[in-house]
């Protein structure tokens, strides 16, 4: 189980924000796995936590497989 301190450290190191100032946001990042509407999981090894779809962090990377927001092959 992840402690609050561990989650806080990961959020700070990833520069995680609850909003994005551009079109780059969690739900169109290749590490995002949708759980339900507006909520997903960041599978990046340095973040590894539940995130909001419209959030953003410095680890953001574009979808390579399909180029479509929130859609990944095999998901």
N, C-alpha and C. Protein backbone atom coordinates (compact mmCIF):
# COMPACT_ATOMS: atom_id res chain seq x y z
N UNK A 1 0.84 -1.18 0.00
CA UNK A 1 0.00 0.00 0.00
C UNK A 1 0.89 1.25 0.00
N UNK A 2 0.48 2.25 -0.78
CA UNK A 2 1.24 3.48 -0.87
C UNK A 2 0.86 4.43 0.27
N UNK A 3 1.84 5.02 0.90
CA UNK A 3 1.57 5.97 1.96
C UNK A 3 1.26 7.34 1.36
N UNK A 4 0.63 8.19 2.14
CA UNK A 4 0.33 9.55 1.71
C UNK A 4 1.62 10.29 1.39
N UNK A 5 2.65 10.07 2.20
CA UNK A 5 3.93 10.74 1.97
C UNK A 5 4.54 10.31 0.64
N UNK A 6 4.43 9.02 0.31
CA UNK A 6 4.96 8.51 -0.95
C UNK A 6 4.20 9.11 -2.14
N UNK A 7 2.89 9.16 -2.05
CA UNK A 7 2.08 9.75 -3.13
C UNK A 7 2.40 11.23 -3.29
N UNK A 8 2.55 11.93 -2.18
CA UNK A 8 2.88 13.35 -2.24
C UNK A 8 4.24 13.56 -2.91
N UNK A 9 5.23 12.72 -2.56
CA UNK A 9 6.55 12.83 -3.15
C UNK A 9 6.49 12.61 -4.66
N UNK A 10 5.75 11.58 -5.09
CA UNK A 10 5.62 11.30 -6.52
C UNK A 10 4.94 12.44 -7.26
N UNK A 11 3.88 13.00 -6.67
CA UNK A 11 3.17 14.12 -7.30
C UNK A 11 4.08 15.33 -7.43
N UNK A 12 4.87 15.60 -6.42
CA UNK A 12 5.78 16.75 -6.47
C UNK A 12 6.90 16.52 -7.48
N UNK A 13 7.48 15.33 -7.50
CA UNK A 13 8.57 15.04 -8.44
C UNK A 13 8.08 15.02 -9.88
N UNK A 14 6.85 14.61 -10.10
CA UNK A 14 6.28 14.59 -11.44
C UNK A 14 5.68 15.92 -11.85
N UNK A 15 5.69 16.89 -10.93
CA UNK A 15 5.08 18.21 -11.16
C UNK A 15 3.62 18.04 -11.59
N UNK A 16 2.88 17.21 -10.84
CA UNK A 16 1.49 16.88 -11.15
C UNK A 16 0.56 18.03 -10.77
N UNK A 17 -0.32 18.40 -11.71
CA UNK A 17 -1.28 19.49 -11.50
C UNK A 17 -2.70 18.97 -11.77
N UNK A 18 -3.67 19.56 -11.11
CA UNK A 18 -5.07 19.14 -11.27
C UNK A 18 -5.73 19.79 -12.48
N UNK A 19 -4.94 20.40 -13.34
CA UNK A 19 -5.44 21.01 -14.59
C UNK A 19 -4.28 21.11 -15.57
N UNK A 20 -4.61 21.34 -16.81
CA UNK A 20 -3.60 21.53 -17.84
C UNK A 20 -3.84 22.88 -18.51
N UNK A 21 -2.77 23.56 -18.85
CA UNK A 21 -2.91 24.85 -19.53
C UNK A 21 -2.83 24.69 -21.05
N UNK A 22 -2.70 23.45 -21.51
CA UNK A 22 -2.67 23.16 -22.95
C UNK A 22 -3.59 21.98 -23.22
N UNK A 23 -3.55 21.47 -24.44
CA UNK A 23 -4.32 20.27 -24.77
C UNK A 23 -3.65 19.00 -24.27
N UNK A 24 -2.42 19.10 -23.78
CA UNK A 24 -1.72 17.95 -23.21
C UNK A 24 -2.28 17.70 -21.81
N UNK A 25 -2.96 16.59 -21.65
CA UNK A 25 -3.50 16.24 -20.34
C UNK A 25 -3.47 14.73 -20.18
N UNK A 26 -3.71 14.28 -18.98
CA UNK A 26 -3.55 12.85 -18.69
C UNK A 26 -4.31 11.95 -19.65
N UNK A 27 -5.54 12.30 -20.00
CA UNK A 27 -6.34 11.38 -20.82
C UNK A 27 -5.87 11.27 -22.27
N UNK A 28 -4.86 12.07 -22.67
CA UNK A 28 -4.27 11.85 -23.99
C UNK A 28 -2.76 11.61 -23.88
N UNK A 29 -2.38 11.05 -22.75
CA UNK A 29 -1.00 10.64 -22.50
C UNK A 29 -0.90 9.12 -22.67
N UNK A 30 0.21 8.66 -23.16
CA UNK A 30 0.35 7.21 -23.40
C UNK A 30 0.40 6.39 -22.13
N UNK A 31 0.63 6.99 -20.98
CA UNK A 31 0.68 6.26 -19.72
C UNK A 31 -0.68 6.16 -19.03
N UNK A 32 -1.68 6.84 -19.56
CA UNK A 32 -3.01 6.90 -18.94
C UNK A 32 -3.84 5.67 -19.28
N UNK A 33 -4.42 5.09 -18.25
CA UNK A 33 -5.35 3.96 -18.41
C UNK A 33 -6.68 4.38 -17.79
N UNK A 34 -7.71 4.50 -18.61
CA UNK A 34 -9.02 4.95 -18.13
C UNK A 34 -9.62 3.94 -17.16
N UNK A 35 -10.15 4.42 -16.05
CA UNK A 35 -10.84 3.58 -15.08
C UNK A 35 -12.35 3.79 -15.17
N UNK A 36 -12.75 5.05 -15.18
CA UNK A 36 -14.14 5.44 -15.39
C UNK A 36 -14.12 6.89 -15.85
N UNK A 37 -15.25 7.43 -16.21
CA UNK A 37 -15.29 8.78 -16.78
C UNK A 37 -14.58 9.80 -15.87
N UNK A 38 -13.56 10.42 -16.43
CA UNK A 38 -12.85 11.48 -15.73
C UNK A 38 -11.77 11.02 -14.77
N UNK A 39 -11.63 9.71 -14.57
CA UNK A 39 -10.63 9.18 -13.64
C UNK A 39 -9.86 8.06 -14.31
N UNK A 40 -8.56 8.06 -14.12
CA UNK A 40 -7.74 7.02 -14.70
C UNK A 40 -6.54 6.71 -13.83
N UNK A 41 -5.67 5.90 -14.37
CA UNK A 41 -4.48 5.47 -13.67
C UNK A 41 -3.26 5.82 -14.50
N UNK A 42 -2.27 6.45 -13.89
CA UNK A 42 -1.02 6.74 -14.59
C UNK A 42 -0.08 5.57 -14.37
N UNK A 43 0.29 4.91 -15.45
CA UNK A 43 1.15 3.74 -15.39
C UNK A 43 2.64 4.09 -15.52
N UNK A 44 2.98 5.37 -15.55
CA UNK A 44 4.39 5.74 -15.61
C UNK A 44 5.06 5.28 -14.31
N UNK A 45 6.22 4.66 -14.41
CA UNK A 45 6.88 4.09 -13.24
C UNK A 45 7.21 5.13 -12.17
N UNK A 46 7.35 6.39 -12.54
CA UNK A 46 7.67 7.43 -11.56
C UNK A 46 6.44 8.05 -10.91
N UNK A 47 5.26 7.86 -11.49
CA UNK A 47 4.04 8.42 -10.90
C UNK A 47 3.20 7.31 -10.28
N UNK A 48 2.74 6.34 -11.08
CA UNK A 48 2.10 5.14 -10.56
C UNK A 48 0.99 5.43 -9.56
N UNK A 49 -0.06 6.15 -10.02
CA UNK A 49 -1.18 6.50 -9.13
C UNK A 49 -2.43 6.85 -9.93
N UNK A 50 -3.53 6.96 -9.23
CA UNK A 50 -4.79 7.40 -9.82
C UNK A 50 -4.68 8.89 -10.11
N UNK A 51 -5.17 9.30 -11.30
CA UNK A 51 -5.12 10.71 -11.73
C UNK A 51 -6.44 11.10 -12.37
N UNK A 52 -6.67 12.39 -12.48
CA UNK A 52 -7.83 12.90 -13.19
C UNK A 52 -7.54 13.01 -14.67
N UNK A 53 -8.56 12.84 -15.49
CA UNK A 53 -8.39 12.88 -16.94
C UNK A 53 -7.83 14.21 -17.44
N UNK A 54 -8.20 15.30 -16.81
CA UNK A 54 -7.77 16.63 -17.27
C UNK A 54 -6.52 17.12 -16.56
N UNK A 55 -5.91 16.29 -15.75
CA UNK A 55 -4.67 16.66 -15.06
C UNK A 55 -3.50 16.66 -16.03
N UNK A 56 -2.35 17.13 -15.57
CA UNK A 56 -1.13 17.17 -16.37
C UNK A 56 0.08 17.00 -15.46
N UNK A 57 1.16 16.43 -15.98
CA UNK A 57 2.45 16.41 -15.28
C UNK A 57 3.58 16.48 -16.30
N UNK A 58 4.78 16.70 -15.81
CA UNK A 58 5.93 16.84 -16.71
C UNK A 58 6.33 15.53 -17.38
N UNK A 59 5.75 14.41 -16.96
CA UNK A 59 6.04 13.11 -17.55
C UNK A 59 5.14 12.81 -18.75
N UNK A 60 4.25 13.75 -19.09
CA UNK A 60 3.30 13.57 -20.18
C UNK A 60 4.03 13.17 -21.47
N UNK A 61 3.47 12.20 -22.17
CA UNK A 61 4.01 11.76 -23.46
C UNK A 61 2.83 11.49 -24.39
N UNK A 62 2.93 11.88 -25.65
CA UNK A 62 1.79 11.71 -26.57
C UNK A 62 1.49 10.24 -26.84
N UNK A 63 0.24 9.98 -27.15
CA UNK A 63 -0.16 8.63 -27.56
C UNK A 63 0.55 8.31 -28.87
N UNK A 64 1.22 7.20 -28.92
CA UNK A 64 1.95 6.80 -30.11
C UNK A 64 1.13 5.82 -30.94
N UNK A 65 0.45 4.90 -30.26
CA UNK A 65 -0.26 3.81 -30.95
C UNK A 65 -1.37 4.30 -31.86
N UNK A 66 -2.24 5.19 -31.36
CA UNK A 66 -3.39 5.60 -32.15
C UNK A 66 -3.46 7.09 -32.42
N UNK A 67 -2.84 7.89 -31.54
CA UNK A 67 -2.92 9.33 -31.69
C UNK A 67 -4.26 9.89 -31.27
N UNK A 68 -5.16 9.06 -30.75
CA UNK A 68 -6.48 9.52 -30.32
C UNK A 68 -6.52 9.61 -28.80
N UNK A 69 -7.04 10.72 -28.25
CA UNK A 69 -7.10 10.88 -26.80
C UNK A 69 -7.83 9.74 -26.12
N UNK A 70 -7.22 9.23 -25.04
CA UNK A 70 -7.85 8.22 -24.21
C UNK A 70 -7.97 6.84 -24.82
N UNK A 71 -7.43 6.63 -25.99
CA UNK A 71 -7.56 5.34 -26.66
C UNK A 71 -6.19 4.74 -26.89
N UNK A 72 -6.00 3.51 -26.50
CA UNK A 72 -4.75 2.82 -26.75
C UNK A 72 -5.07 1.45 -27.30
N UNK A 73 -4.20 0.95 -28.17
CA UNK A 73 -4.41 -0.38 -28.70
C UNK A 73 -4.31 -1.38 -27.58
N UNK A 74 -5.20 -2.36 -27.58
CA UNK A 74 -5.20 -3.39 -26.57
C UNK A 74 -5.88 -2.99 -25.29
N UNK A 75 -6.45 -1.79 -25.21
CA UNK A 75 -7.15 -1.36 -24.00
C UNK A 75 -8.61 -1.67 -24.08
